């Protein structure tokens, strides 16, 4: 990618040129040839649905179980303890033999003290109300589940009462009021979780830095001068800083996995159709999926168990392996050229973690553009003028070609998964870069860093595949490096086990001790 970084006055001038009917059209069409003039014989694939597939050696969750019962089965699969790590859901549950109300007050104080733009909306009154109810249940010896009293944050793209859903804008909630919890939020609430507010995000998910000119730039807890990544910026940062063990995000173009990698936490995106879209802003629904950001793989697993299994027409029963599981027989595949398209530090760190055989994934660049065209055609409501103009430049035939490219890539990846269980890549091509002052009010265009950040996440969204990122190491500045595993459809159990075996954690610069 060859493009200068722009912010402030320069981004305004660039927008003026893009919106010019003649000059803008010429600028926007120049680099779209891979999709515009592609001759593809494959039929278009508009929604990445997958046939049912059940993993071997699994414990199957019954479809009639309540979210709390699913959570208990997930907990039963976990080992008793591990080495020093972040506070987990089970830590919170054990601490609540005293009171969840105390932790809620710690949380409120932490949000006040840190002032790092983690949240768009939170209500101290509502948090204390939920914590008081949870405390009473614990005092009676009748917590609903291991999630009872655990603080969980929700990306402001997902409906969660009593908050408006802004999508990171100043206007969305005025035209689309929030009247009920999203399906995934209902399940967490039914397990007794304390829903602590709506986290900051890149405006309408239209960028990768997480800088929001309306609600501030969320800061990376490993270095507050660095970006947390987007678009689930606040969710990644709030988990990294220790305010919550888990937060929800939405992953339409790496929007869970990329900020998770930059902030040194777990980012988990299930197979398309595994978790209900109900109550989620329809910004990019054929490539987007509700995902989990967590301090540990165990916590991601527990929350995933609570939320999954809501679309029986799209997916089989949720499957869980018994922990711990030996993963020495899992075949990992990598594309050398693609894997190595990152900084030297990331390549070295990720390579040390792997033993694999190599595969070739054709048309990587064409898939990137086809995904970009698809996500843009679904997000024409974005008021980001640059994004709107770029996405609006694509025509219907180019959109059809992009869906044909999706069909072709589905075939390529099916062939790869016939030889391997998991494709492994770095999560991002670069670590977190600096937040510049001129971007705070206008946002920024940084296509060079942006392309490097999103490079490895496209297949998971475009093809609806499950994927997980784990912190695998740190660069010379102490910034986290993520390693990503992309699985076969419905192979979440395999991914969770690989992630559990490989996660490596280091305490960030900003970390709040909630317990």
Protein backbone atom coordinates (compact mmCIF):
# COMPACT_ATOMS: atom_id res chain seq x y z
CA UNK A 1 0.00 0.00 0.00
CA UNK A 2 1.39 3.38 -1.02
CA UNK A 3 -0.42 6.32 0.56
CA UNK A 4 0.57 9.17 2.87
CA UNK A 5 -0.88 9.46 6.36
CA UNK A 6 -3.47 12.25 6.60
CA UNK A 7 -5.26 14.02 9.45
CA UNK A 8 -6.52 17.50 10.30
CA UNK A 9 -6.69 19.92 7.36
CA UNK A 10 -5.19 17.43 4.90
CA UNK A 11 -7.93 14.87 5.46
CA UNK A 12 -10.55 17.57 4.84
CA UNK A 13 -8.90 18.56 1.55
CA UNK A 14 -8.62 14.90 0.53
CA UNK A 15 -12.31 14.40 1.28
CA UNK A 16 -13.17 17.36 -0.94
CA UNK A 17 -11.26 15.77 -3.83
CA UNK A 18 -12.92 12.39 -3.26
CA UNK A 19 -16.38 13.95 -3.31
CA UNK A 20 -15.65 15.66 -6.61
CA UNK A 21 -17.60 13.69 -9.23
CA UNK A 22 -14.83 13.64 -11.83
CA UNK A 23 -11.59 13.71 -9.83
CA UNK A 24 -12.94 11.44 -7.12
CA UNK A 25 -14.15 8.81 -9.56
CA UNK A 26 -10.75 8.67 -11.26
CA UNK A 27 -8.93 8.38 -7.93
CA UNK A 28 -11.17 5.65 -6.59
CA UNK A 29 -11.29 3.40 -9.65
CA UNK A 30 -7.55 3.30 -10.26
CA UNK A 31 -6.72 0.41 -7.92
CA UNK A 32 -9.87 -1.73 -8.14
CA UNK A 33 -8.87 -3.84 -11.16
CA UNK A 34 -8.50 -7.11 -9.24
CA UNK A 35 -12.26 -7.15 -8.64
CA UNK A 36 -13.58 -4.82 -11.34
CA UNK A 37 -12.18 -6.79 -14.28
CA UNK A 38 -11.95 -10.25 -12.77
CA UNK A 39 -13.40 -13.09 -14.84
CA UNK A 40 -14.74 -15.55 -12.30
CA UNK A 41 -16.67 -18.71 -13.13
CA UNK A 42 -17.70 -19.44 -9.56
CA UNK A 43 -21.27 -18.57 -8.50
CA UNK A 44 -21.58 -15.65 -6.07
CA UNK A 45 -21.76 -16.55 -2.38
CA UNK A 46 -23.60 -13.78 -0.54
CA UNK A 47 -23.66 -15.29 2.97
CA UNK A 48 -20.81 -17.51 4.29
CA UNK A 49 -22.93 -20.31 5.73
CA UNK A 50 -21.33 -23.71 6.30
CA UNK A 51 -22.73 -27.26 6.40
CA UNK A 52 -22.98 -28.90 9.80
CA UNK A 53 -19.84 -30.55 11.13
CA UNK A 54 -19.20 -32.08 14.54
CA UNK A 55 -15.72 -32.34 15.98
CA UNK A 56 -14.44 -35.63 17.36
CA UNK A 57 -13.71 -36.24 21.05
CA UNK A 58 -16.07 -33.57 22.28
CA UNK A 59 -18.64 -33.03 24.94
CA UNK A 60 -21.84 -31.86 23.29
CA UNK A 61 -23.96 -29.21 24.98
CA UNK A 62 -27.64 -30.04 24.80
CA UNK A 63 -29.69 -27.40 22.94
CA UNK A 64 -32.25 -27.09 25.73
CA UNK A 65 -29.69 -26.03 28.36
CA UNK A 66 -29.99 -22.54 29.82
CA UNK A 67 -27.04 -20.14 29.44
CA UNK A 68 -26.19 -20.67 33.13
CA UNK A 69 -26.17 -24.46 32.65
CA UNK A 70 -23.92 -24.10 29.60
CA UNK A 71 -21.58 -21.94 31.65
CA UNK A 72 -21.38 -24.61 34.36
CA UNK A 73 -20.53 -27.29 31.81
CA UNK A 74 -17.82 -25.04 30.41
CA UNK A 75 -16.38 -24.48 33.89
CA UNK A 76 -16.38 -28.24 34.51
CA UNK A 77 -14.10 -28.64 31.49
CA UNK A 78 -11.45 -26.25 32.84
CA UNK A 79 -8.36 -27.17 34.87
CA UNK A 80 -8.29 -26.06 38.50
CA UNK A 81 -5.63 -23.36 38.13
CA UNK A 82 -2.55 -22.25 36.19
CA UNK A 83 0.44 -19.95 36.61
CA UNK A 84 0.11 -16.22 37.37
CA UNK A 85 -2.31 -14.66 34.95
CA UNK A 86 -4.98 -11.98 34.78
CA UNK A 87 -7.92 -12.13 37.14
CA UNK A 88 -10.41 -14.58 35.68
CA UNK A 89 -14.13 -15.12 35.95
CA UNK A 90 -13.50 -17.87 38.48
CA UNK A 91 -11.34 -15.50 40.56
CA UNK A 92 -14.21 -13.02 40.69
CA UNK A 93 -16.65 -15.76 41.60
CA UNK A 94 -14.47 -16.95 44.50
CA UNK A 95 -13.93 -13.38 45.69
CA UNK A 96 -17.69 -12.93 45.91
CA UNK A 97 -17.91 -15.06 49.00
CA UNK A 98 -17.61 -11.54 50.44
CA UNK A 99 -19.34 -9.08 48.07
CA UNK A 100 -19.66 -8.20 44.37
CA UNK A 101 -20.63 -4.70 45.52
CA UNK A 102 -17.05 -4.02 46.60
CA UNK A 103 -15.71 -4.91 43.15
CA UNK A 104 -18.36 -2.75 41.50
CA UNK A 105 -17.20 0.22 43.58
CA UNK A 106 -13.58 -0.52 42.65
CA UNK A 107 -14.63 -0.55 39.00
CA UNK A 108 -16.40 2.80 39.26
CA UNK A 109 -13.37 4.36 40.94
CA UNK A 110 -11.06 2.93 38.30
CA UNK A 111 -13.09 4.42 35.43
CA UNK A 112 -13.02 7.80 37.17
CA UNK A 113 -9.29 7.62 37.89
CA UNK A 114 -7.99 6.35 34.57
CA UNK A 115 -9.72 8.83 32.21
CA UNK A 116 -8.62 6.83 29.15
CA UNK A 117 -11.85 7.06 27.08
CA UNK A 118 -12.64 3.38 27.54
CA UNK A 119 -16.42 3.97 27.70
CA UNK A 120 -18.99 5.90 25.69
CA UNK A 121 -21.66 5.30 28.33
CA UNK A 122 -21.79 3.82 31.81
CA UNK A 123 -24.20 4.32 34.70
CA UNK A 124 -22.83 4.14 38.23
CA UNK A 125 -26.37 3.81 39.55
CA UNK A 126 -27.18 0.84 37.31
CA UNK A 127 -23.85 -0.87 38.06
CA UNK A 128 -24.43 -0.56 41.81
CA UNK A 129 -28.00 -1.84 41.43
CA UNK A 130 -26.81 -4.97 39.62
CA UNK A 131 -23.97 -5.47 42.11
CA UNK A 132 -26.33 -5.16 45.06
CA UNK A 133 -28.65 -7.81 43.61
CA UNK A 134 -25.70 -10.10 42.94
CA UNK A 135 -24.38 -9.59 46.47
CA UNK A 136 -27.73 -10.65 47.91
CA UNK A 137 -27.69 -13.83 45.82
CA UNK A 138 -24.18 -14.65 47.01
CA UNK A 139 -25.09 -13.94 50.63
CA UNK A 140 -27.99 -16.39 50.31
CA UNK A 141 -25.57 -18.93 48.85
CA UNK A 142 -27.50 -19.01 45.58
CA UNK A 143 -25.46 -17.36 42.79
CA UNK A 144 -26.96 -17.99 39.36
CA UNK A 145 -23.68 -19.13 37.82
CA UNK A 146 -19.95 -18.56 37.94
CA UNK A 147 -20.66 -15.35 35.99
CA UNK A 148 -22.84 -13.95 38.77
CA UNK A 149 -21.35 -10.60 39.79
CA UNK A 150 -18.63 -10.60 37.13
CA UNK A 151 -18.23 -7.21 35.37
CA UNK A 152 -18.57 -7.48 31.58
CA UNK A 153 -18.39 -4.53 29.18
CA UNK A 154 -20.34 -4.32 25.91
CA UNK A 155 -19.19 -2.69 22.67
CA UNK A 156 -21.45 0.21 21.70
CA UNK A 157 -22.55 -1.68 18.59
CA UNK A 158 -24.56 -4.15 20.68
CA UNK A 159 -27.85 -3.30 22.40
CA UNK A 160 -27.64 -3.32 26.19
CA UNK A 161 -30.22 -1.65 28.41
CA UNK A 162 -30.42 1.01 29.77
CA UNK A 163 -27.93 2.54 27.34
CA UNK A 164 -28.46 3.95 23.84
CA UNK A 165 -26.54 2.21 21.04
CA UNK A 166 -24.55 4.91 19.27
CA UNK A 167 -22.23 2.88 17.07
CA UNK A 168 -19.63 5.47 17.99
CA UNK A 169 -21.65 8.29 16.40
CA UNK A 170 -23.50 11.31 17.76
CA UNK A 171 -26.71 10.51 15.88
CA UNK A 172 -27.38 6.76 15.47
CA UNK A 173 -29.38 6.36 18.70
CA UNK A 174 -31.72 9.19 17.67
CA UNK A 175 -32.91 7.21 14.65
CA UNK A 176 -32.57 3.69 16.11
CA UNK A 177 -33.51 3.68 19.80
CA UNK A 178 -32.41 0.74 21.94
CA UNK A 179 -35.51 -0.95 23.40
CA UNK A 180 -34.16 -4.32 24.55
CA UNK A 181 -30.96 -6.27 25.18
CA UNK A 182 -29.27 -8.03 22.28
CA UNK A 183 -29.66 -11.81 22.41
CA UNK A 184 -26.04 -12.33 23.52
CA UNK A 185 -26.46 -9.72 26.26
CA UNK A 186 -29.67 -11.34 27.50
CA UNK A 187 -27.81 -14.59 28.01
CA UNK A 188 -25.04 -12.94 30.00
CA UNK A 189 -27.57 -11.04 32.09
CA UNK A 190 -29.46 -14.28 32.78
CA UNK A 191 -26.20 -15.70 34.17
CA UNK A 192 -25.96 -12.83 36.66
CA UNK A 193 -23.16 -10.87 34.97
CA UNK A 194 -22.86 -7.17 35.86
CA UNK A 195 -23.09 -5.27 32.57
CA UNK A 196 -20.95 -2.23 33.28
CA UNK A 197 -21.51 -0.06 30.20
CA UNK A 198 -20.93 0.55 26.51
CA UNK A 199 -17.32 0.68 25.36
CA UNK A 200 -15.77 3.12 22.94
CA UNK A 201 -15.32 2.16 19.30
CA UNK A 202 -14.14 3.55 16.00
CA UNK A 203 -17.05 5.49 14.53
CA UNK A 204 -19.40 2.97 12.88
CA UNK A 205 -16.56 0.48 12.77
CA UNK A 206 -15.09 2.43 9.86
CA UNK A 207 -11.45 2.39 10.93
CA UNK A 208 -8.65 0.50 12.58
CA UNK A 209 -7.03 2.91 15.02
CA UNK A 210 -9.86 3.19 17.54
CA UNK A 211 -9.61 6.98 17.52
CA UNK A 212 -13.10 8.44 17.91
CA UNK A 213 -13.38 12.24 17.45
CA UNK A 214 -16.69 12.33 19.38
CA UNK A 215 -15.85 10.26 22.47
CA UNK A 216 -12.07 10.44 22.57
CA UNK A 217 -9.26 8.07 21.68
CA UNK A 218 -9.21 4.98 23.87
CA UNK A 219 -5.65 4.37 25.07
CA UNK A 220 -3.56 1.21 24.93
CA UNK A 221 -2.77 0.10 28.51
CA UNK A 222 0.68 -1.12 27.43
CA UNK A 223 1.54 2.43 26.33
CA UNK A 224 -1.04 5.21 26.62
CA UNK A 225 0.55 7.02 23.67
CA UNK A 226 -0.29 4.10 21.38
CA UNK A 227 -3.52 3.08 19.66
CA UNK A 228 -5.55 0.19 21.10
CA UNK A 229 -6.75 -0.78 17.61
CA UNK A 230 -10.29 -0.83 16.31
CA UNK A 231 -12.99 -0.98 15.96
CA UNK A 232 -13.54 -2.69 19.35
CA UNK A 233 -11.02 -0.33 20.93
CA UNK A 234 -12.67 0.24 24.29
CA UNK A 235 -13.47 -3.45 24.79
CA UNK A 236 -9.84 -4.47 24.22
CA UNK A 237 -8.44 -1.70 26.40
CA UNK A 238 -10.82 -2.24 29.32
CA UNK A 239 -9.89 -5.93 29.50
CA UNK A 240 -6.19 -5.22 29.08
CA UNK A 241 -6.28 -2.67 31.92
CA UNK A 242 -7.94 -5.17 34.25
CA UNK A 243 -11.26 -3.38 34.72
CA UNK A 244 -13.19 -6.37 33.36
CA UNK A 245 -12.13 -9.96 32.74
CA UNK A 246 -14.29 -10.04 29.60
CA UNK A 247 -15.88 -7.65 27.10
CA UNK A 248 -17.95 -8.18 23.97
CA UNK A 249 -17.02 -6.84 20.56
CA UNK A 250 -18.15 -7.28 16.96
CA UNK A 251 -15.66 -8.59 14.39
CA UNK A 252 -16.41 -7.55 10.79
CA UNK A 253 -12.86 -6.97 9.58
CA UNK A 254 -10.70 -8.12 12.46
CA UNK A 255 -12.43 -5.69 14.83
CA UNK A 256 -12.13 -8.07 17.79
CA UNK A 257 -8.87 -9.88 16.98
CA UNK A 258 -6.79 -6.89 15.92
CA UNK A 259 -7.35 -4.69 19.02
CA UNK A 260 -7.03 -7.80 21.19
CA UNK A 261 -3.59 -8.43 19.70
CA UNK A 262 -2.45 -4.82 20.13
CA UNK A 263 -3.65 -4.75 23.75
CA UNK A 264 -2.27 -8.17 24.69
CA UNK A 265 -5.54 -10.02 25.37
CA UNK A 266 -7.47 -12.92 23.89
CA UNK A 267 -9.73 -12.18 20.91
CA UNK A 268 -12.16 -14.90 19.82
CA UNK A 269 -14.45 -14.82 16.78
CA UNK A 270 -16.81 -17.81 16.37
CA UNK A 271 -17.98 -19.34 13.11
CA UNK A 272 -20.55 -17.28 11.20
CA UNK A 273 -23.96 -18.30 12.57
CA UNK A 274 -22.74 -19.58 15.94
CA UNK A 275 -23.95 -16.51 17.87
CA UNK A 276 -27.14 -14.58 17.16
CA UNK A 277 -26.95 -11.19 15.38
CA UNK A 278 -30.18 -10.09 17.08
CA UNK A 279 -29.77 -6.68 18.69
CA UNK A 280 -26.49 -5.90 16.92
CA UNK A 281 -26.21 -2.92 14.56
CA UNK A 282 -26.35 -4.34 11.01
CA UNK A 283 -23.20 -2.55 9.85
CA UNK A 284 -21.66 -5.52 8.05
CA UNK A 285 -23.71 -8.57 8.90
CA UNK A 286 -22.46 -11.05 6.25
CA UNK A 287 -18.89 -10.64 7.46
CA UNK A 288 -19.46 -9.59 11.08
CA UNK A 289 -19.90 -11.72 14.19
CA UNK A 290 -20.18 -11.03 17.90
CA UNK A 291 -16.85 -11.94 19.49
CA UNK A 292 -15.24 -12.14 22.91
CA UNK A 293 -12.25 -10.22 24.28
CA UNK A 294 -10.89 -11.73 27.47
CA UNK A 295 -7.90 -11.74 29.76
CA UNK A 296 -7.53 -15.51 29.46
CA UNK A 297 -8.63 -18.27 27.11
CA UNK A 298 -10.62 -19.83 29.96
CA UNK A 299 -12.77 -16.72 30.32
CA UNK A 300 -13.34 -16.42 26.58
CA UNK A 301 -14.46 -20.05 26.63
CA UNK A 302 -16.95 -19.53 29.48
CA UNK A 303 -18.60 -16.48 27.89
CA UNK A 304 -18.65 -18.15 24.47
CA UNK A 305 -20.48 -21.11 26.03
CA UNK A 306 -23.10 -18.76 27.48
CA UNK A 307 -23.75 -17.01 24.16
CA UNK A 308 -23.50 -19.79 21.57
CA UNK A 309 -26.05 -22.03 19.96
CA UNK A 310 -28.80 -19.58 19.04
CA UNK A 311 -29.12 -20.24 15.30
CA UNK A 312 -29.90 -23.95 14.87
CA UNK A 313 -30.54 -23.47 11.16
CA UNK A 314 -26.94 -22.29 10.70
CA UNK A 315 -24.89 -24.43 13.07
CA UNK A 316 -24.68 -27.67 15.05
CA UNK A 317 -24.63 -28.01 18.81
CA UNK A 318 -21.81 -26.31 20.67
CA UNK A 319 -18.96 -28.71 21.35
CA UNK A 320 -16.49 -28.65 24.24
CA UNK A 321 -13.30 -30.63 24.73
CA UNK A 322 -12.32 -31.72 28.21
CA UNK A 323 -9.39 -29.63 29.47
CA UNK A 324 -6.47 -30.15 29.41
CA UNK A 325 -6.02 -31.70 25.96
CA UNK A 326 -2.79 -32.72 24.26
CA UNK A 327 -2.58 -30.80 20.99
CA UNK A 328 0.56 -32.39 19.56
CA UNK A 329 -1.45 -34.14 16.84
CA UNK A 330 -3.01 -30.92 15.53
CA UNK A 331 -1.73 -30.00 12.06
CA UNK A 332 -0.87 -26.32 11.65
CA UNK A 333 -0.59 -24.79 8.19
CA UNK A 334 0.98 -21.51 7.15
CA UNK A 335 1.54 -19.64 3.90
CA UNK A 336 5.19 -18.54 4.08
CA UNK A 337 4.81 -15.45 1.90
CA UNK A 338 1.69 -14.30 3.74
CA UNK A 339 3.02 -15.21 7.19
CA UNK A 340 6.23 -13.24 6.64
CA UNK A 341 4.49 -10.05 5.47
CA UNK A 342 5.01 -8.35 8.84
CA UNK A 343 7.75 -6.71 10.89
CA UNK A 344 10.89 -8.70 11.70
CA UNK A 345 10.06 -8.79 15.40
CA UNK A 346 6.57 -10.16 14.81
CA UNK A 347 7.82 -12.75 12.31
CA UNK A 348 10.55 -13.94 14.66
CA UNK A 349 8.29 -14.08 17.71
CA UNK A 350 5.50 -15.98 15.93
CA UNK A 351 7.85 -18.37 14.13
CA UNK A 352 9.43 -19.49 17.40
CA UNK A 353 6.04 -20.67 18.60
CA UNK A 354 5.35 -22.98 15.68
CA UNK A 355 6.10 -26.28 14.05
CA UNK A 356 4.16 -26.47 10.80
CA UNK A 357 4.09 -27.36 7.15
CA UNK A 358 3.48 -24.74 4.51
CA UNK A 359 0.56 -24.25 2.15
CA UNK A 360 -0.24 -21.80 -0.63
CA UNK A 361 -3.32 -19.59 -0.37
CA UNK A 362 -4.03 -18.13 -3.84
CA UNK A 363 -5.44 -14.66 -4.56
CA UNK A 364 -4.73 -13.17 -1.12
CA UNK A 365 -4.74 -9.59 -2.46
CA UNK A 366 -7.92 -10.14 -4.47
CA UNK A 367 -9.66 -11.53 -1.39
CA UNK A 368 -8.61 -8.44 0.58
CA UNK A 369 -10.24 -6.12 -1.95
CA UNK A 370 -13.34 -8.32 -2.30
CA UNK A 371 -13.82 -8.24 1.48
CA UNK A 372 -13.33 -4.47 1.50
CA UNK A 373 -15.96 -4.06 -1.21
CA UNK A 374 -18.41 -6.35 0.61
CA UNK A 375 -18.10 -4.67 4.00
CA UNK A 376 -18.38 -1.25 2.37
CA UNK A 377 -21.52 -2.10 0.45
CA UNK A 378 -23.20 -2.99 3.74
CA UNK A 379 -22.07 0.14 5.59
CA UNK A 380 -23.39 2.91 3.35
CA UNK A 381 -24.94 4.54 6.43
CA UNK A 382 -21.53 5.59 7.70
CA UNK A 383 -21.22 9.32 8.07
CA UNK A 384 -17.47 9.11 7.75
CA UNK A 385 -17.25 10.99 4.47
CA UNK A 386 -14.09 9.36 3.21
CA UNK A 387 -15.36 5.85 3.91
CA UNK A 388 -18.73 6.67 2.37
CA UNK A 389 -17.14 7.96 -0.81
CA UNK A 390 -14.77 5.02 -1.14
CA UNK A 391 -17.49 2.41 -0.62
CA UNK A 392 -19.96 4.27 -2.84
CA UNK A 393 -17.53 4.09 -5.75
CA UNK A 394 -18.14 0.36 -6.22
CA UNK A 395 -20.92 -0.72 -8.59
CA UNK A 396 -23.25 -3.71 -8.50
CA UNK A 397 -21.16 -5.83 -10.88
CA UNK A 398 -18.10 -5.33 -8.72
CA UNK A 399 -20.12 -6.44 -5.70
CA UNK A 400 -21.22 -9.59 -7.56
CA UNK A 401 -17.59 -10.26 -8.51
CA UNK A 402 -16.59 -9.90 -4.87
CA UNK A 403 -19.14 -12.57 -3.90
CA UNK A 404 -17.76 -14.83 -6.64
CA UNK A 405 -14.33 -14.29 -5.13
CA UNK A 406 -15.81 -15.35 -1.79
CA UNK A 407 -16.99 -18.59 -3.41
CA UNK A 408 -13.54 -19.19 -4.93
CA UNK A 409 -11.76 -18.56 -1.63
CA UNK A 410 -14.17 -20.89 0.16
CA UNK A 411 -13.05 -23.64 -2.25
CA UNK A 412 -9.35 -22.85 -1.70
CA UNK A 413 -9.69 -22.92 2.08
CA UNK A 414 -11.71 -26.14 2.01
CA UNK A 415 -8.79 -27.78 0.19
CA UNK A 416 -6.34 -26.47 2.80
CA UNK A 417 -8.46 -27.75 5.67
CA UNK A 418 -8.48 -31.20 4.06
CA UNK A 419 -4.73 -31.26 4.86
CA UNK A 420 -4.57 -29.24 8.08
CA UNK A 421 -6.68 -28.50 11.14
CA UNK A 422 -5.69 -24.87 11.57
CA UNK A 423 -4.12 -22.03 9.55
CA UNK A 424 -1.71 -19.97 11.63
CA UNK A 425 -0.63 -16.37 11.03
CA UNK A 426 0.52 -13.36 13.00
CA UNK A 427 -2.57 -11.43 14.07
CA UNK A 428 -1.25 -8.10 12.79
CA UNK A 429 1.62 -7.02 10.57
CA UNK A 430 2.73 -4.30 13.01
CA UNK A 431 2.38 -3.61 16.72
CA UNK A 432 0.47 -0.60 18.07
CA UNK A 433 1.58 2.73 16.60
CA UNK A 434 1.44 6.17 18.19
CA UNK A 435 -1.67 8.34 18.55
CA UNK A 436 -0.90 11.69 16.90
CA UNK A 437 -2.44 14.89 18.25
CA UNK A 438 -3.74 15.99 14.84
CA UNK A 439 -5.94 12.86 14.65
CA UNK A 440 -7.85 13.44 17.88
CA UNK A 441 -10.45 15.81 16.37
CA UNK A 442 -10.67 14.60 12.77
CA UNK A 443 -9.53 11.00 12.86
CA UNK A 444 -6.87 9.93 10.41
CA UNK A 445 -6.20 8.04 7.20
CA UNK A 446 -3.16 5.79 7.59
CA UNK A 447 -3.47 3.17 4.90
CA UNK A 448 0.07 1.83 5.30
CA UNK A 449 -0.33 0.96 8.97
CA UNK A 450 -3.99 0.13 8.43
CA UNK A 451 -3.23 -2.45 5.75
CA UNK A 452 -0.61 -4.03 7.99
CA UNK A 453 -3.01 -4.19 10.93
CA UNK A 454 -5.87 -5.88 9.08
CA UNK A 455 -3.80 -8.06 6.72
CA UNK A 456 -4.35 -11.38 8.46
CA UNK A 457 -7.95 -11.05 9.61
CA UNK A 458 -9.80 -10.97 6.29
CA UNK A 459 -10.34 -14.70 5.72
CA UNK A 460 -12.05 -15.16 9.07
CA UNK A 461 -14.67 -12.53 8.22
CA UNK A 462 -15.07 -12.96 4.47
CA UNK A 463 -15.42 -16.75 4.74
CA UNK A 464 -17.15 -16.89 8.13
CA UNK A 465 -14.40 -18.99 9.73
CA UNK A 466 -13.72 -19.15 13.48
CA UNK A 467 -10.47 -17.56 14.65
CA UNK A 468 -8.67 -16.72 17.87
CA UNK A 469 -5.71 -14.48 18.69
CA UNK A 470 -3.47 -14.95 21.70
CA UNK A 471 -0.61 -12.84 23.07
CA UNK A 472 2.56 -14.72 22.11
CA UNK A 473 5.27 -12.21 22.98
CA UNK A 474 6.35 -8.57 22.99
CA UNK A 475 8.44 -6.29 20.78
CA UNK A 476 11.48 -4.31 21.96
CA UNK A 477 9.17 -1.54 23.22
CA UNK A 478 7.18 -4.00 25.32
CA UNK A 479 4.13 -3.89 23.03
CA UNK A 480 2.14 -7.12 22.64
CA UNK A 481 2.44 -9.39 19.60
CA UNK A 482 -0.50 -11.64 18.72
CA UNK A 483 -0.57 -15.05 17.05
CA UNK A 484 -3.76 -16.04 15.21
CA UNK A 485 -5.28 -19.46 14.58
CA UNK A 486 -7.99 -19.78 11.89
CA UNK A 487 -10.04 -22.96 12.06
CA UNK A 488 -12.43 -25.04 10.02
CA UNK A 489 -16.11 -24.12 10.30
CA UNK A 490 -17.49 -25.10 13.73
CA UNK A 491 -14.01 -25.98 15.09
CA UNK A 492 -14.12 -23.60 18.05
CA UNK A 493 -13.19 -26.38 20.48
CA UNK A 494 -9.93 -27.08 18.66
CA UNK A 495 -9.06 -23.38 18.50
CA UNK A 496 -9.74 -22.86 22.19
CA UNK A 497 -7.48 -25.75 23.13
CA UNK A 498 -4.62 -24.55 20.96
CA UNK A 499 -4.99 -21.06 22.39
CA UNK A 500 -5.08 -22.42 25.94
CA UNK A 501 -1.79 -24.22 25.38
CA UNK A 502 -0.03 -21.25 23.79
CA UNK A 503 -1.16 -18.10 25.63
CA UNK A 504 1.61 -15.97 27.17
CA UNK A 505 0.81 -12.94 29.34
CA UNK A 506 2.75 -9.98 30.72
CA UNK A 507 1.38 -7.28 33.01
CA UNK A 508 0.66 -4.04 31.07
CA UNK A 509 1.83 -0.58 32.08
CA UNK A 510 -1.72 0.38 33.14
CA UNK A 511 -3.40 -2.41 35.10
CA UNK A 512 -6.05 -1.90 37.78
CA UNK A 513 -6.26 -4.52 40.54
CA UNK A 514 -10.00 -5.07 40.92
CA UNK A 515 -9.75 -7.84 43.54
